[in-house]
């Protein structure tokens, strides 16, 4: 009986918690602009805003089936030194075109 109760109540409560926490994380990224750098509140907001990205990354990796990965998809990392050399972001279309030609 306790098992049935827990199955019916814990899952909806967990989903509610995840929903409320996701809303909080989204709001925390918007609230960052109101706090000065180095304050404790800003540090907490930056940490929780980063949780959304980490959670999304972990869910994607968890659900990725390695045998269905496409060989046609290439992930390109644009680091700080490349951005310093190019100078702007988003990158101009000519740079994307040159990159695609090199990948072919």
N, C-alpha and C. Protein backbone atom coordinates (compact mmCIF):
# COMPACT_ATOMS: atom_id res chain seq x y z
N UNK A 1 0.81 -1.19 0.00
CA UNK A 1 0.00 0.00 0.00
C UNK A 1 0.86 1.26 0.00
N UNK A 2 1.90 1.24 0.81
CA UNK A 2 2.81 2.37 0.85
C UNK A 2 3.51 2.55 -0.49
N UNK A 3 3.85 1.41 -1.11
CA UNK A 3 4.52 1.46 -2.42
C UNK A 3 3.64 2.13 -3.47
N UNK A 4 2.35 1.81 -3.49
CA UNK A 4 1.43 2.44 -4.44
C UNK A 4 1.29 3.93 -4.17
N UNK A 5 1.21 4.28 -2.89
CA UNK A 5 1.10 5.69 -2.53
C UNK A 5 2.33 6.47 -3.00
N UNK A 6 3.51 5.90 -2.74
CA UNK A 6 4.74 6.57 -3.15
C UNK A 6 4.85 6.69 -4.66
N UNK A 7 4.44 5.64 -5.37
CA UNK A 7 4.50 5.69 -6.84
C UNK A 7 3.58 6.77 -7.38
N UNK A 8 2.43 6.97 -6.76
CA UNK A 8 1.48 7.96 -7.26
C UNK A 8 1.83 9.37 -6.83
N UNK A 9 2.50 9.54 -5.70
CA UNK A 9 2.74 10.89 -5.20
C UNK A 9 4.14 11.41 -5.45
N UNK A 10 5.14 10.55 -5.43
CA UNK A 10 6.51 11.02 -5.56
C UNK A 10 6.81 11.52 -6.96
N UNK A 11 6.36 10.81 -7.97
CA UNK A 11 6.63 11.24 -9.35
C UNK A 11 6.05 12.61 -9.66
N UNK A 12 4.76 12.90 -9.35
CA UNK A 12 4.25 14.25 -9.61
C UNK A 12 4.97 15.32 -8.79
N UNK A 13 5.35 14.98 -7.55
CA UNK A 13 6.09 15.96 -6.75
C UNK A 13 7.47 16.21 -7.34
N UNK A 14 8.10 15.16 -7.84
CA UNK A 14 9.40 15.33 -8.49
C UNK A 14 9.29 16.17 -9.75
N UNK A 15 8.25 15.92 -10.53
CA UNK A 15 8.04 16.73 -11.74
C UNK A 15 7.77 18.18 -11.39
N UNK A 16 6.99 18.42 -10.33
CA UNK A 16 6.72 19.79 -9.89
C UNK A 16 8.01 20.46 -9.44
N UNK A 17 8.84 19.74 -8.70
CA UNK A 17 10.11 20.30 -8.25
C UNK A 17 10.99 20.67 -9.44
N UNK A 18 11.08 19.78 -10.43
CA UNK A 18 11.89 20.05 -11.61
C UNK A 18 11.35 21.28 -12.36
N UNK A 19 10.03 21.38 -12.48
CA UNK A 19 9.43 22.52 -13.16
C UNK A 19 9.74 23.83 -12.43
N UNK A 20 9.54 23.84 -11.12
CA UNK A 20 9.79 25.06 -10.34
C UNK A 20 11.27 25.42 -10.38
N UNK A 21 12.14 24.42 -10.29
CA UNK A 21 13.57 24.69 -10.34
C UNK A 21 14.00 25.22 -11.70
N UNK A 22 13.40 24.70 -12.77
CA UNK A 22 13.72 25.19 -14.12
C UNK A 22 13.29 26.64 -14.27
N UNK A 23 12.12 26.98 -13.77
CA UNK A 23 11.66 28.38 -13.82
C UNK A 23 12.61 29.27 -13.04
N UNK A 24 13.03 28.81 -11.86
CA UNK A 24 13.97 29.58 -11.04
C UNK A 24 15.29 29.80 -11.78
N UNK A 25 15.80 28.75 -12.42
CA UNK A 25 17.07 28.87 -13.14
C UNK A 25 16.95 29.84 -14.31
N UNK A 26 15.83 29.79 -15.02
CA UNK A 26 15.64 30.72 -16.13
C UNK A 26 15.54 32.15 -15.63
N UNK A 27 14.85 32.34 -14.53
CA UNK A 27 14.72 33.69 -13.97
C UNK A 27 16.05 34.18 -13.42
N UNK A 28 16.86 33.27 -12.89
CA UNK A 28 18.14 33.69 -12.31
C UNK A 28 19.06 34.27 -13.36
N UNK A 29 19.02 33.76 -14.57
CA UNK A 29 19.87 34.33 -15.62
C UNK A 29 19.41 35.73 -15.99
N UNK A 30 18.12 36.00 -15.88
CA UNK A 30 17.62 37.36 -16.14
C UNK A 30 17.93 38.31 -14.99
N UNK A 31 17.97 37.80 -13.78
CA UNK A 31 18.23 38.64 -12.61
C UNK A 31 19.69 39.04 -12.47
N UNK A 32 20.58 38.36 -13.19
CA UNK A 32 22.02 38.64 -13.06
C UNK A 32 22.36 40.09 -13.35
N UNK A 33 21.62 40.72 -14.23
CA UNK A 33 21.96 42.09 -14.64
C UNK A 33 21.72 43.11 -13.53
N UNK A 34 21.00 42.72 -12.49
CA UNK A 34 20.68 43.66 -11.42
C UNK A 34 21.67 43.62 -10.27
N UNK A 35 22.62 42.68 -10.29
CA UNK A 35 23.57 42.54 -9.18
C UNK A 35 24.97 42.82 -9.66
N UNK A 36 25.77 43.48 -8.81
CA UNK A 36 27.15 43.81 -9.14
C UNK A 36 28.02 42.56 -9.11
N UNK A 37 29.12 42.64 -9.85
CA UNK A 37 30.07 41.53 -9.90
C UNK A 37 30.67 41.32 -8.52
N UNK A 38 30.81 40.08 -8.10
CA UNK A 38 31.45 39.77 -6.83
C UNK A 38 30.52 39.67 -5.64
N UNK A 39 29.25 39.99 -5.79
CA UNK A 39 28.33 39.86 -4.67
C UNK A 39 27.90 38.40 -4.53
N UNK A 40 27.53 38.03 -3.33
CA UNK A 40 27.15 36.64 -3.06
C UNK A 40 25.91 36.25 -3.85
N UNK A 41 24.96 37.17 -3.97
CA UNK A 41 23.72 36.86 -4.69
C UNK A 41 24.02 36.61 -6.17
N UNK A 42 24.91 37.40 -6.73
CA UNK A 42 25.27 37.20 -8.13
C UNK A 42 25.96 35.85 -8.33
N UNK A 43 26.82 35.47 -7.39
CA UNK A 43 27.49 34.17 -7.48
C UNK A 43 26.49 33.03 -7.46
N UNK A 44 25.49 33.13 -6.59
CA UNK A 44 24.45 32.10 -6.52
C UNK A 44 23.66 32.04 -7.82
N UNK A 45 23.30 33.21 -8.35
CA UNK A 45 22.53 33.25 -9.60
C UNK A 45 23.33 32.70 -10.77
N UNK A 46 24.63 33.01 -10.83
CA UNK A 46 25.46 32.46 -11.91
C UNK A 46 25.54 30.95 -11.81
N UNK A 47 25.66 30.44 -10.60
CA UNK A 47 25.74 29.00 -10.40
C UNK A 47 24.45 28.30 -10.84
N UNK A 48 23.32 28.86 -10.44
CA UNK A 48 22.05 28.21 -10.81
C UNK A 48 21.74 28.38 -12.29
N UNK A 49 22.15 29.49 -12.89
CA UNK A 49 21.93 29.66 -14.33
C UNK A 49 22.74 28.62 -15.10
N UNK A 50 23.91 28.27 -14.60
CA UNK A 50 24.73 27.25 -15.24
C UNK A 50 24.17 25.84 -15.08
N UNK A 51 23.33 25.64 -14.07
CA UNK A 51 22.73 24.32 -13.87
C UNK A 51 21.85 23.91 -15.05
N UNK A 52 21.19 24.87 -15.65
CA UNK A 52 20.32 24.56 -16.79
C UNK A 52 21.15 23.94 -17.91
N UNK A 53 22.29 24.55 -18.20
CA UNK A 53 23.15 24.02 -19.26
C UNK A 53 23.70 22.65 -18.91
N UNK A 54 24.14 22.49 -17.67
CA UNK A 54 24.68 21.20 -17.26
C UNK A 54 23.61 20.11 -17.28
N UNK A 55 22.40 20.44 -16.87
CA UNK A 55 21.31 19.47 -16.89
C UNK A 55 20.98 19.07 -18.33
N UNK A 56 20.88 20.06 -19.22
CA UNK A 56 20.59 19.78 -20.62
C UNK A 56 21.67 18.90 -21.23
N UNK A 57 22.93 19.22 -20.96
CA UNK A 57 24.03 18.43 -21.49
C UNK A 57 23.96 16.99 -21.00
N UNK A 58 23.68 16.81 -19.71
CA UNK A 58 23.63 15.45 -19.18
C UNK A 58 22.47 14.66 -19.77
N UNK A 59 21.33 15.30 -19.99
CA UNK A 59 20.18 14.60 -20.60
C UNK A 59 20.48 14.22 -22.05
N UNK A 60 21.15 15.11 -22.78
CA UNK A 60 21.49 14.80 -24.16
C UNK A 60 22.47 13.63 -24.24
N UNK A 61 23.48 13.63 -23.38
CA UNK A 61 24.44 12.54 -23.39
C UNK A 61 23.80 11.23 -22.95
N UNK A 62 22.87 11.31 -22.02
CA UNK A 62 22.19 10.11 -21.54
C UNK A 62 21.32 9.49 -22.63
N UNK A 63 20.69 10.32 -23.43
CA UNK A 63 19.76 9.82 -24.45
C UNK A 63 20.41 9.58 -25.81
N UNK A 64 21.69 9.86 -25.91
CA UNK A 64 22.37 9.69 -27.19
C UNK A 64 22.67 8.22 -27.42
N UNK A 65 22.20 7.70 -28.49
CA UNK A 65 22.51 6.31 -28.83
C UNK A 65 23.70 6.32 -29.78
N UNK A 66 24.80 5.79 -29.34
CA UNK A 66 26.05 5.90 -30.08
C UNK A 66 26.02 5.22 -31.44
N UNK A 67 25.23 4.18 -31.61
CA UNK A 67 25.23 3.48 -32.89
C UNK A 67 24.48 4.25 -33.98
N UNK A 68 23.69 5.27 -33.60
CA UNK A 68 22.97 6.05 -34.60
C UNK A 68 23.59 7.42 -34.86
N UNK A 69 24.79 7.62 -34.39
CA UNK A 69 25.44 8.91 -34.65
C UNK A 69 25.75 9.04 -36.14
N UNK A 70 25.51 10.22 -36.65
CA UNK A 70 25.75 10.47 -38.06
C UNK A 70 27.22 10.85 -38.28
N UNK A 71 27.77 10.35 -39.35
CA UNK A 71 29.14 10.72 -39.71
C UNK A 71 29.17 12.06 -40.44
N UNK A 72 28.01 12.58 -40.78
CA UNK A 72 27.93 13.84 -41.53
C UNK A 72 27.86 15.06 -40.64
N UNK A 73 27.72 14.87 -39.35
CA UNK A 73 27.62 15.99 -38.42
C UNK A 73 28.98 16.24 -37.80
N UNK A 74 29.39 17.50 -37.84
CA UNK A 74 30.68 17.89 -37.27
C UNK A 74 30.42 19.01 -36.28
N UNK A 75 30.97 18.86 -35.09
CA UNK A 75 30.86 19.90 -34.07
C UNK A 75 32.12 20.76 -34.16
N UNK A 76 31.93 22.06 -34.31
CA UNK A 76 33.04 22.98 -34.43
C UNK A 76 33.07 23.85 -33.19
N UNK A 77 34.20 23.86 -32.52
CA UNK A 77 34.38 24.68 -31.33
C UNK A 77 35.13 25.93 -31.73
N UNK A 78 34.57 27.08 -31.44
CA UNK A 78 35.22 28.35 -31.74
C UNK A 78 35.77 28.89 -30.43
N UNK A 79 37.09 28.85 -30.28
CA UNK A 79 37.70 29.26 -29.02
C UNK A 79 37.98 30.77 -29.00
N UNK A 80 38.45 31.23 -27.86
CA UNK A 80 38.68 32.67 -27.67
C UNK A 80 39.76 33.21 -28.60
N UNK A 81 40.81 32.42 -28.84
CA UNK A 81 41.87 32.92 -29.73
C UNK A 81 41.37 33.07 -31.16
N UNK A 82 40.50 32.16 -31.60
CA UNK A 82 39.92 32.29 -32.95
C UNK A 82 39.02 33.52 -33.04
N UNK A 83 38.22 33.73 -31.99
CA UNK A 83 37.37 34.92 -31.99
C UNK A 83 38.19 36.20 -31.97
N UNK A 84 39.31 36.19 -31.26
CA UNK A 84 40.17 37.37 -31.24
C UNK A 84 40.75 37.65 -32.62
N UNK A 85 41.07 36.58 -33.36
CA UNK A 85 41.61 36.73 -34.70
C UNK A 85 40.54 37.21 -35.68
N UNK A 86 39.33 36.63 -35.58
CA UNK A 86 38.24 36.99 -36.50
C UNK A 86 37.64 38.34 -36.13
N UNK A 87 37.41 38.54 -34.84
CA UNK A 87 37.00 39.85 -34.37
C UNK A 87 35.54 40.02 -34.05
N UNK A 88 34.64 39.26 -34.60
CA UNK A 88 33.22 39.48 -34.34
C UNK A 88 32.50 38.15 -34.13
N UNK A 89 31.41 38.24 -33.41
CA UNK A 89 30.51 37.10 -33.29
C UNK A 89 29.10 37.66 -33.31
N UNK A 90 28.18 37.14 -34.05
CA UNK A 90 28.26 35.93 -34.85
C UNK A 90 29.19 36.11 -36.04
N UNK A 91 29.69 34.99 -36.48
CA UNK A 91 30.65 35.00 -37.58
C UNK A 91 29.99 35.39 -38.88
N UNK A 92 30.70 36.15 -39.71
CA UNK A 92 30.16 36.49 -41.03
C UNK A 92 29.96 35.23 -41.88
N UNK A 93 29.05 35.29 -42.81
CA UNK A 93 28.74 34.13 -43.65
C UNK A 93 29.92 33.70 -44.51
N UNK A 94 30.79 34.62 -44.85
CA UNK A 94 31.96 34.24 -45.65
C UNK A 94 32.88 33.30 -44.87
N UNK A 95 32.99 33.50 -43.58
CA UNK A 95 33.82 32.63 -42.75
C UNK A 95 33.18 31.25 -42.65
N UNK A 96 31.85 31.21 -42.48
CA UNK A 96 31.16 29.92 -42.46
C UNK A 96 31.34 29.19 -43.79
N UNK A 97 31.28 29.93 -44.89
CA UNK A 97 31.45 29.31 -46.21
C UNK A 97 32.85 28.73 -46.36
N UNK A 98 33.87 29.47 -45.92
CA UNK A 98 35.24 28.96 -45.98
C UNK A 98 35.40 27.71 -45.12
N UNK A 99 34.78 27.72 -43.95
CA UNK A 99 34.84 26.56 -43.05
C UNK A 99 34.20 25.34 -43.69
N UNK A 100 33.06 25.52 -44.32
CA UNK A 100 32.36 24.40 -44.96
C UNK A 100 33.18 23.84 -46.13
N UNK A 101 33.86 24.73 -46.87
CA UNK A 101 34.70 24.25 -47.97
C UNK A 101 35.85 23.40 -47.45
N UNK A 102 36.43 23.80 -46.30
CA UNK A 102 37.53 23.02 -45.73
C UNK A 102 37.07 21.68 -45.20
N UNK A 103 35.83 21.60 -44.74
CA UNK A 103 35.33 20.34 -44.22
C UNK A 103 34.95 19.36 -45.31
N UNK A 104 34.69 19.85 -46.51
CA UNK A 104 34.34 18.95 -47.63
C UNK A 104 35.48 18.18 -48.09
